[in-house]
N, C-alpha and C. Protein backbone atom coordinates (compact mmCIF):
# COMPACT_ATOMS: atom_id res chain seq x y z
N UNK A 1 29.56 89.35 114.45
CA UNK A 1 30.92 89.74 114.15
C UNK A 1 31.80 89.45 115.37
N UNK A 2 31.34 89.55 116.56
CA UNK A 2 32.10 89.35 117.71
C UNK A 2 32.64 87.91 117.73
N UNK A 3 31.61 86.98 117.51
CA UNK A 3 31.98 85.54 117.59
C UNK A 3 32.98 85.21 116.48
N UNK A 4 32.84 85.82 115.34
CA UNK A 4 33.75 85.58 114.27
C UNK A 4 35.17 86.06 114.63
N UNK A 5 35.19 87.18 115.31
CA UNK A 5 36.51 87.71 115.80
C UNK A 5 37.10 86.67 116.87
N UNK A 6 36.31 86.17 117.69
CA UNK A 6 36.75 85.21 118.75
C UNK A 6 37.25 83.93 118.05
N UNK A 7 36.65 83.54 116.93
CA UNK A 7 37.00 82.34 116.17
C UNK A 7 38.45 82.49 115.63
N UNK A 8 38.94 83.66 115.61
CA UNK A 8 40.34 83.98 115.13
C UNK A 8 41.27 84.36 116.25
N UNK A 9 40.87 84.17 117.54
CA UNK A 9 41.65 84.53 118.66
C UNK A 9 42.96 83.75 118.72
N UNK A 10 43.83 84.25 119.52
CA UNK A 10 45.15 83.54 119.64
C UNK A 10 45.05 82.20 120.51
N UNK A 11 44.10 82.09 121.35
CA UNK A 11 43.89 80.98 122.27
C UNK A 11 43.06 80.03 121.64
N UNK A 12 43.54 78.72 121.50
CA UNK A 12 42.78 77.67 120.91
C UNK A 12 41.45 77.39 121.51
N UNK A 13 41.41 77.38 122.89
CA UNK A 13 40.13 77.12 123.63
C UNK A 13 39.07 78.16 123.27
N UNK A 14 39.53 79.43 123.25
CA UNK A 14 38.55 80.45 122.83
C UNK A 14 38.00 80.27 121.42
N UNK A 15 38.97 79.84 120.45
CA UNK A 15 38.47 79.64 119.11
C UNK A 15 37.56 78.51 119.08
N UNK A 16 37.83 77.41 119.70
CA UNK A 16 36.91 76.24 119.64
C UNK A 16 35.55 76.58 120.23
N UNK A 17 35.49 77.31 121.34
CA UNK A 17 34.21 77.62 121.96
C UNK A 17 33.49 78.61 121.02
N UNK A 18 34.15 79.56 120.30
CA UNK A 18 33.50 80.50 119.44
C UNK A 18 32.98 79.56 118.20
N UNK A 19 33.77 78.72 117.73
CA UNK A 19 33.32 77.94 116.61
C UNK A 19 32.02 77.13 116.99
N UNK A 20 31.98 76.63 118.17
CA UNK A 20 30.78 75.92 118.70
C UNK A 20 29.62 76.79 118.71
N UNK A 21 29.79 78.04 119.24
CA UNK A 21 28.66 79.03 119.29
C UNK A 21 28.23 79.44 117.90
N UNK A 22 29.12 79.69 117.00
CA UNK A 22 28.68 80.00 115.62
C UNK A 22 27.85 78.92 115.04
N UNK A 23 28.35 77.77 115.15
CA UNK A 23 27.56 76.62 114.60
C UNK A 23 26.24 76.38 115.27
N UNK A 24 26.15 76.48 116.61
CA UNK A 24 24.90 76.25 117.30
C UNK A 24 23.90 77.35 116.82
N UNK A 25 24.41 78.49 116.62
CA UNK A 25 23.49 79.60 116.23
C UNK A 25 23.28 79.74 114.72
N UNK A 26 23.98 78.90 113.99
CA UNK A 26 23.79 78.88 112.50
C UNK A 26 24.08 80.25 111.82
N UNK A 27 25.19 80.91 112.25
CA UNK A 27 25.54 82.19 111.73
C UNK A 27 26.05 82.11 110.37
N UNK A 28 25.12 82.35 109.32
CA UNK A 28 25.50 82.10 108.01
C UNK A 28 26.60 83.09 107.48
N UNK A 29 26.61 84.30 107.95
CA UNK A 29 27.69 85.22 107.64
C UNK A 29 29.06 84.81 108.05
N UNK A 30 29.22 83.84 109.01
CA UNK A 30 30.45 83.47 109.44
C UNK A 30 31.10 82.46 108.50
N UNK A 31 30.35 81.82 107.57
CA UNK A 31 30.75 80.76 106.79
C UNK A 31 32.13 81.14 105.96
N UNK A 32 31.96 82.18 105.21
CA UNK A 32 33.17 82.64 104.31
C UNK A 32 34.40 82.87 105.18
N UNK A 33 34.29 83.64 106.30
CA UNK A 33 35.59 83.89 107.10
C UNK A 33 36.04 82.55 107.64
N UNK A 34 35.21 81.63 108.04
CA UNK A 34 35.65 80.37 108.51
C UNK A 34 36.44 79.56 107.47
N UNK A 35 35.88 79.55 106.27
CA UNK A 35 36.60 78.77 105.16
C UNK A 35 37.95 79.47 104.94
N UNK A 36 38.01 80.71 104.91
CA UNK A 36 39.28 81.44 104.70
C UNK A 36 40.33 81.11 105.78
N UNK A 37 39.89 81.15 107.05
CA UNK A 37 40.79 80.81 108.15
C UNK A 37 41.20 79.30 108.12
N UNK A 38 40.23 78.45 107.83
CA UNK A 38 40.68 77.06 107.79
C UNK A 38 41.58 76.73 106.69
N UNK A 39 41.40 77.30 105.55
CA UNK A 39 42.31 77.10 104.35
C UNK A 39 43.73 77.58 104.77
N UNK A 40 43.76 78.79 105.35
CA UNK A 40 44.97 79.44 105.74
C UNK A 40 45.80 78.62 106.80
N UNK A 41 44.97 78.05 107.75
CA UNK A 41 45.67 77.54 108.90
C UNK A 41 45.82 75.98 108.88
N UNK A 42 45.31 75.27 107.85
CA UNK A 42 45.17 73.94 107.85
C UNK A 42 46.58 73.22 107.84
N UNK A 43 47.54 73.77 107.11
CA UNK A 43 48.81 73.23 107.02
C UNK A 43 49.68 73.26 108.31
N UNK A 44 49.47 74.30 109.16
CA UNK A 44 50.42 74.63 110.22
C UNK A 44 49.71 74.63 111.53
N UNK A 45 48.66 75.38 111.67
CA UNK A 45 48.15 75.82 113.04
C UNK A 45 47.00 75.01 113.49
N UNK A 46 46.24 74.31 112.62
CA UNK A 46 45.02 73.64 113.01
C UNK A 46 45.24 72.32 113.70
N UNK A 47 44.76 72.19 114.97
CA UNK A 47 44.80 70.97 115.66
C UNK A 47 43.62 70.11 115.23
N UNK A 48 43.64 68.91 115.56
CA UNK A 48 42.48 67.99 115.18
C UNK A 48 41.20 68.48 115.90
N UNK A 49 41.35 68.92 117.18
CA UNK A 49 40.15 69.37 118.00
C UNK A 49 39.56 70.59 117.24
N UNK A 50 40.40 71.51 116.89
CA UNK A 50 39.92 72.73 116.25
C UNK A 50 39.41 72.41 114.77
N UNK A 51 39.98 71.53 114.10
CA UNK A 51 39.50 71.14 112.74
C UNK A 51 38.10 70.54 112.91
N UNK A 52 37.92 69.79 113.88
CA UNK A 52 36.59 69.14 114.15
C UNK A 52 35.56 70.22 114.41
N UNK A 53 35.90 71.16 115.35
CA UNK A 53 34.99 72.22 115.67
C UNK A 53 34.70 73.14 114.45
N UNK A 54 35.75 73.36 113.61
CA UNK A 54 35.49 74.22 112.40
C UNK A 54 34.62 73.50 111.39
N UNK A 55 34.84 72.25 111.14
CA UNK A 55 33.98 71.46 110.22
C UNK A 55 32.55 71.52 110.70
N UNK A 56 32.31 71.29 111.92
CA UNK A 56 31.02 71.19 112.52
C UNK A 56 30.34 72.56 112.41
N UNK A 57 31.05 73.65 112.72
CA UNK A 57 30.55 75.05 112.61
C UNK A 57 30.15 75.31 111.21
N UNK A 58 31.01 75.05 110.27
CA UNK A 58 30.77 75.26 108.82
C UNK A 58 29.53 74.62 108.35
N UNK A 59 29.37 73.36 108.70
CA UNK A 59 28.22 72.60 108.29
C UNK A 59 26.89 73.16 108.86
N UNK A 60 26.98 73.68 110.11
CA UNK A 60 25.78 74.15 110.70
C UNK A 60 25.58 75.57 110.41
N UNK A 61 26.51 76.30 109.94
CA UNK A 61 26.33 77.72 109.51
C UNK A 61 25.63 77.81 108.16
N UNK A 62 26.09 77.01 107.19
CA UNK A 62 25.57 77.01 105.85
C UNK A 62 25.68 75.59 105.20
N UNK A 63 24.72 74.76 105.49
CA UNK A 63 24.80 73.31 105.12
C UNK A 63 25.08 73.18 103.60
N UNK A 64 24.35 73.84 102.80
CA UNK A 64 24.55 73.72 101.26
C UNK A 64 25.91 74.01 100.78
N UNK A 65 26.46 75.25 101.19
CA UNK A 65 27.78 75.60 100.84
C UNK A 65 28.80 74.71 101.44
N UNK A 66 28.54 74.25 102.66
CA UNK A 66 29.51 73.33 103.25
C UNK A 66 29.59 71.99 102.58
N UNK A 67 28.45 71.42 102.14
CA UNK A 67 28.52 70.19 101.51
C UNK A 67 29.36 70.29 100.14
N UNK A 68 29.01 71.37 99.42
CA UNK A 68 29.79 71.60 98.19
C UNK A 68 31.28 71.71 98.49
N UNK A 69 31.65 72.52 99.48
CA UNK A 69 33.09 72.69 99.77
C UNK A 69 33.68 71.31 100.34
N UNK A 70 33.06 70.58 101.12
CA UNK A 70 33.60 69.41 101.79
C UNK A 70 33.70 68.32 100.60
N UNK A 71 32.82 68.38 99.70
CA UNK A 71 32.94 67.43 98.52
C UNK A 71 34.24 67.76 97.72
N UNK A 72 34.49 68.98 97.54
CA UNK A 72 35.76 69.45 96.86
C UNK A 72 37.00 68.96 97.62
N UNK A 73 36.99 69.03 98.96
CA UNK A 73 38.11 68.71 99.81
C UNK A 73 38.32 67.20 99.94
N UNK A 74 37.19 66.45 99.87
CA UNK A 74 37.20 65.02 100.18
C UNK A 74 37.34 64.18 98.87
N UNK A 75 36.98 64.67 97.74
CA UNK A 75 37.11 64.10 96.43
C UNK A 75 37.70 65.10 95.47
N UNK A 76 38.94 65.47 95.75
CA UNK A 76 39.57 66.51 94.81
C UNK A 76 39.69 65.97 93.49
N UNK A 77 39.69 66.85 92.52
CA UNK A 77 39.95 66.51 91.19
C UNK A 77 41.32 66.98 90.73
N UNK A 78 42.01 66.25 89.95
CA UNK A 78 43.35 66.61 89.56
C UNK A 78 44.42 65.65 90.16
N UNK A 79 45.53 65.64 89.55
CA UNK A 79 46.52 64.70 89.96
C UNK A 79 47.18 64.96 91.24
N UNK A 80 47.50 66.33 91.54
CA UNK A 80 48.38 66.60 92.69
C UNK A 80 47.54 67.23 93.81
N UNK A 81 46.19 67.31 93.78
CA UNK A 81 45.58 67.94 94.83
C UNK A 81 45.57 67.19 96.09
N UNK A 82 45.80 65.90 96.11
CA UNK A 82 45.86 65.17 97.38
C UNK A 82 47.10 65.33 98.16
N UNK A 83 48.09 65.99 97.55
CA UNK A 83 49.42 66.25 98.21
C UNK A 83 49.59 67.68 98.64
N UNK A 84 48.58 68.50 98.40
CA UNK A 84 48.70 69.86 98.81
C UNK A 84 48.94 70.05 100.36
N UNK A 85 49.71 71.11 100.73
CA UNK A 85 49.91 71.30 102.19
C UNK A 85 48.52 71.54 102.85
N UNK A 86 48.32 70.74 103.99
CA UNK A 86 47.15 70.84 104.66
C UNK A 86 45.98 70.09 104.23
N UNK A 87 46.14 69.31 103.18
CA UNK A 87 44.98 68.53 102.61
C UNK A 87 44.44 67.52 103.60
N UNK A 88 45.29 66.88 104.34
CA UNK A 88 44.87 65.89 105.31
C UNK A 88 43.94 66.56 106.44
N UNK A 89 44.37 67.83 106.77
CA UNK A 89 43.59 68.58 107.83
C UNK A 89 42.29 69.05 107.24
N UNK A 90 42.27 69.46 105.95
CA UNK A 90 41.11 69.77 105.32
C UNK A 90 40.10 68.63 105.18
N UNK A 91 40.62 67.44 104.97
CA UNK A 91 39.75 66.20 105.02
C UNK A 91 39.23 66.01 106.37
N UNK A 92 40.01 66.27 107.44
CA UNK A 92 39.53 66.12 108.76
C UNK A 92 38.38 67.08 109.00
N UNK A 93 38.49 68.32 108.62
CA UNK A 93 37.52 69.33 108.68
C UNK A 93 36.19 68.86 108.04
N UNK A 94 36.36 68.42 106.78
CA UNK A 94 35.26 68.02 105.92
C UNK A 94 34.54 66.85 106.56
N UNK A 95 35.22 65.86 106.92
CA UNK A 95 34.51 64.63 107.54
C UNK A 95 33.81 65.00 108.83
N UNK A 96 34.48 65.93 109.60
CA UNK A 96 33.79 66.32 110.86
C UNK A 96 32.47 67.09 110.61
N UNK A 97 32.46 67.96 109.56
CA UNK A 97 31.26 68.66 109.16
C UNK A 97 30.13 67.76 108.59
N UNK A 98 30.49 66.76 108.00
CA UNK A 98 29.54 65.87 107.31
C UNK A 98 28.61 65.20 108.40
N UNK A 99 28.98 65.14 109.60
CA UNK A 99 28.28 64.65 110.73
C UNK A 99 26.90 65.36 110.72
N UNK A 100 26.84 66.61 110.47
CA UNK A 100 25.61 67.37 110.64
C UNK A 100 24.88 67.62 109.32
N UNK A 101 25.28 67.07 108.30
CA UNK A 101 24.60 67.23 107.00
C UNK A 101 23.72 66.04 106.68
N UNK A 102 22.39 66.30 106.28
CA UNK A 102 21.48 65.18 106.01
C UNK A 102 21.76 64.51 104.63
N UNK A 103 21.08 63.37 104.49
CA UNK A 103 21.09 62.71 103.20
C UNK A 103 22.12 61.62 103.16
N UNK A 104 22.17 60.99 102.00
CA UNK A 104 23.06 59.84 101.73
C UNK A 104 24.46 60.27 101.35
N UNK A 105 24.55 61.36 100.61
CA UNK A 105 25.85 61.80 100.06
C UNK A 105 26.91 61.92 101.23
N UNK A 106 26.59 62.70 102.31
CA UNK A 106 27.60 62.78 103.34
C UNK A 106 28.19 61.52 103.92
N UNK A 107 27.30 60.52 104.10
CA UNK A 107 27.71 59.21 104.51
C UNK A 107 28.73 58.57 103.48
N UNK A 108 28.31 58.67 102.16
CA UNK A 108 29.15 58.11 101.11
C UNK A 108 30.49 58.76 101.05
N UNK A 109 30.49 60.05 101.37
CA UNK A 109 31.84 60.77 101.30
C UNK A 109 32.69 60.33 102.47
N UNK A 110 32.04 60.17 103.70
CA UNK A 110 32.92 59.63 104.78
C UNK A 110 33.48 58.25 104.46
N UNK A 111 32.68 57.43 103.90
CA UNK A 111 33.16 56.05 103.54
C UNK A 111 34.19 56.20 102.44
N UNK A 112 34.11 57.08 101.52
CA UNK A 112 35.11 57.25 100.48
C UNK A 112 36.44 57.64 101.09
N UNK A 113 36.36 58.56 102.02
CA UNK A 113 37.70 59.00 102.71
C UNK A 113 38.25 57.90 103.52
N UNK A 114 37.40 57.17 104.28
CA UNK A 114 37.78 56.13 105.21
C UNK A 114 38.60 55.06 104.36
N UNK A 115 38.11 54.74 103.21
CA UNK A 115 38.72 53.74 102.40
C UNK A 115 40.03 54.07 101.88
N UNK A 116 40.39 55.33 101.88
CA UNK A 116 41.65 55.87 101.24
C UNK A 116 42.49 56.44 102.39
N UNK A 117 42.14 56.57 103.53
CA UNK A 117 42.80 57.27 104.54
C UNK A 117 43.82 56.46 105.37
N UNK A 118 44.76 57.22 105.93
CA UNK A 118 45.75 56.56 106.83
C UNK A 118 44.87 56.18 108.13
N UNK A 119 45.59 55.53 109.00
CA UNK A 119 44.88 54.98 110.17
C UNK A 119 44.19 56.05 111.06
N UNK A 120 44.86 57.16 111.31
CA UNK A 120 44.29 58.11 112.15
C UNK A 120 43.00 58.79 111.57
N UNK A 121 43.08 59.17 110.32
CA UNK A 121 41.85 59.73 109.63
C UNK A 121 40.78 58.68 109.48
N UNK A 122 41.16 57.45 109.19
CA UNK A 122 40.22 56.37 109.09
C UNK A 122 39.43 56.18 110.39
N UNK A 123 40.17 56.26 111.58
CA UNK A 123 39.51 56.17 112.87
C UNK A 123 38.51 57.32 113.06
N UNK A 124 38.99 58.43 112.66
CA UNK A 124 38.09 59.68 112.73
C UNK A 124 36.82 59.56 111.93
N UNK A 125 36.95 58.90 110.74
CA UNK A 125 35.85 58.63 109.89
C UNK A 125 34.86 57.74 110.58
N UNK A 126 35.32 56.70 111.27
CA UNK A 126 34.48 55.78 111.98
C UNK A 126 33.79 56.42 113.13
N UNK A 127 34.53 57.25 113.86
CA UNK A 127 33.93 58.05 115.00
C UNK A 127 32.83 58.99 114.38
N UNK A 128 33.09 59.62 113.30
CA UNK A 128 32.09 60.51 112.78
C UNK A 128 30.86 59.77 112.29
N UNK A 129 30.99 58.58 111.71
CA UNK A 129 29.87 57.87 111.28
C UNK A 129 28.97 57.50 112.48
N UNK A 130 29.63 57.12 113.59
CA UNK A 130 28.83 56.84 114.82
C UNK A 130 28.21 58.05 115.30
N UNK A 131 28.92 59.25 115.40
CA UNK A 131 28.33 60.50 115.87
C UNK A 131 27.15 60.88 114.94
N UNK A 132 27.31 60.67 113.63
CA UNK A 132 26.32 61.05 112.57
C UNK A 132 25.01 60.38 112.87
N UNK A 133 25.13 59.08 113.15
CA UNK A 133 23.95 58.29 113.43
C UNK A 133 23.23 58.77 114.71
N UNK A 134 24.04 59.18 115.70
CA UNK A 134 23.44 59.71 116.96
C UNK A 134 22.81 61.00 116.68
N UNK A 135 23.41 61.93 115.90
CA UNK A 135 22.85 63.19 115.50
C UNK A 135 21.53 62.96 114.77
N UNK A 136 21.49 61.94 113.84
CA UNK A 136 20.22 61.71 113.10
C UNK A 136 19.14 61.24 114.04
N UNK A 137 19.47 60.67 115.12
CA UNK A 137 18.45 60.21 116.13
C UNK A 137 18.22 61.23 117.13
N UNK A 138 18.95 62.37 117.03
CA UNK A 138 18.74 63.48 117.97
C UNK A 138 19.39 63.31 119.34
N UNK A 139 20.38 62.41 119.36
CA UNK A 139 21.09 62.22 120.72
C UNK A 139 22.28 63.04 121.00
N UNK A 140 22.55 63.95 120.20
CA UNK A 140 23.71 64.78 120.38
C UNK A 140 23.29 66.24 120.68
N UNK A 141 23.72 66.75 121.87
CA UNK A 141 23.27 68.14 122.22
C UNK A 141 23.61 69.13 121.13
N UNK A 142 22.82 70.04 120.75
CA UNK A 142 23.09 71.03 119.78
C UNK A 142 22.82 70.59 118.34
N UNK A 143 22.45 69.31 118.13
CA UNK A 143 22.28 68.86 116.77
C UNK A 143 21.09 69.59 116.11
N UNK A 144 21.17 69.83 114.81
CA UNK A 144 20.11 70.48 114.13
C UNK A 144 18.78 69.70 114.11
């Protein structure tokens, strides 16, 4: 509970560190509060660094639920879902989290986003693909 409270602190560095600790420790009970905060803050308050930390924490706290959620954010259904406030930051979160999820689907989702993204998000997708391969080989500290 304490780490989850720190993940909602007013200082971004404190939030990012708390997100990292939540993810490293796989705190499943933190998943729902993280999702709620990310959805609330995606349009206005979430920086790219914090979005990355949030996505990674979510994936490491509850991989199954994270994949389901990221799929929803990265391949939204419906005509207007891609223009919702904060949608690009939710995509940033999702792509970041896919780094830590096993299997072929996460890689396919990153490629899907990269093919449709603006230049900044496309660069992030490329960086995440590289990091994903390092994680798979066990070269990233804290990787599952």
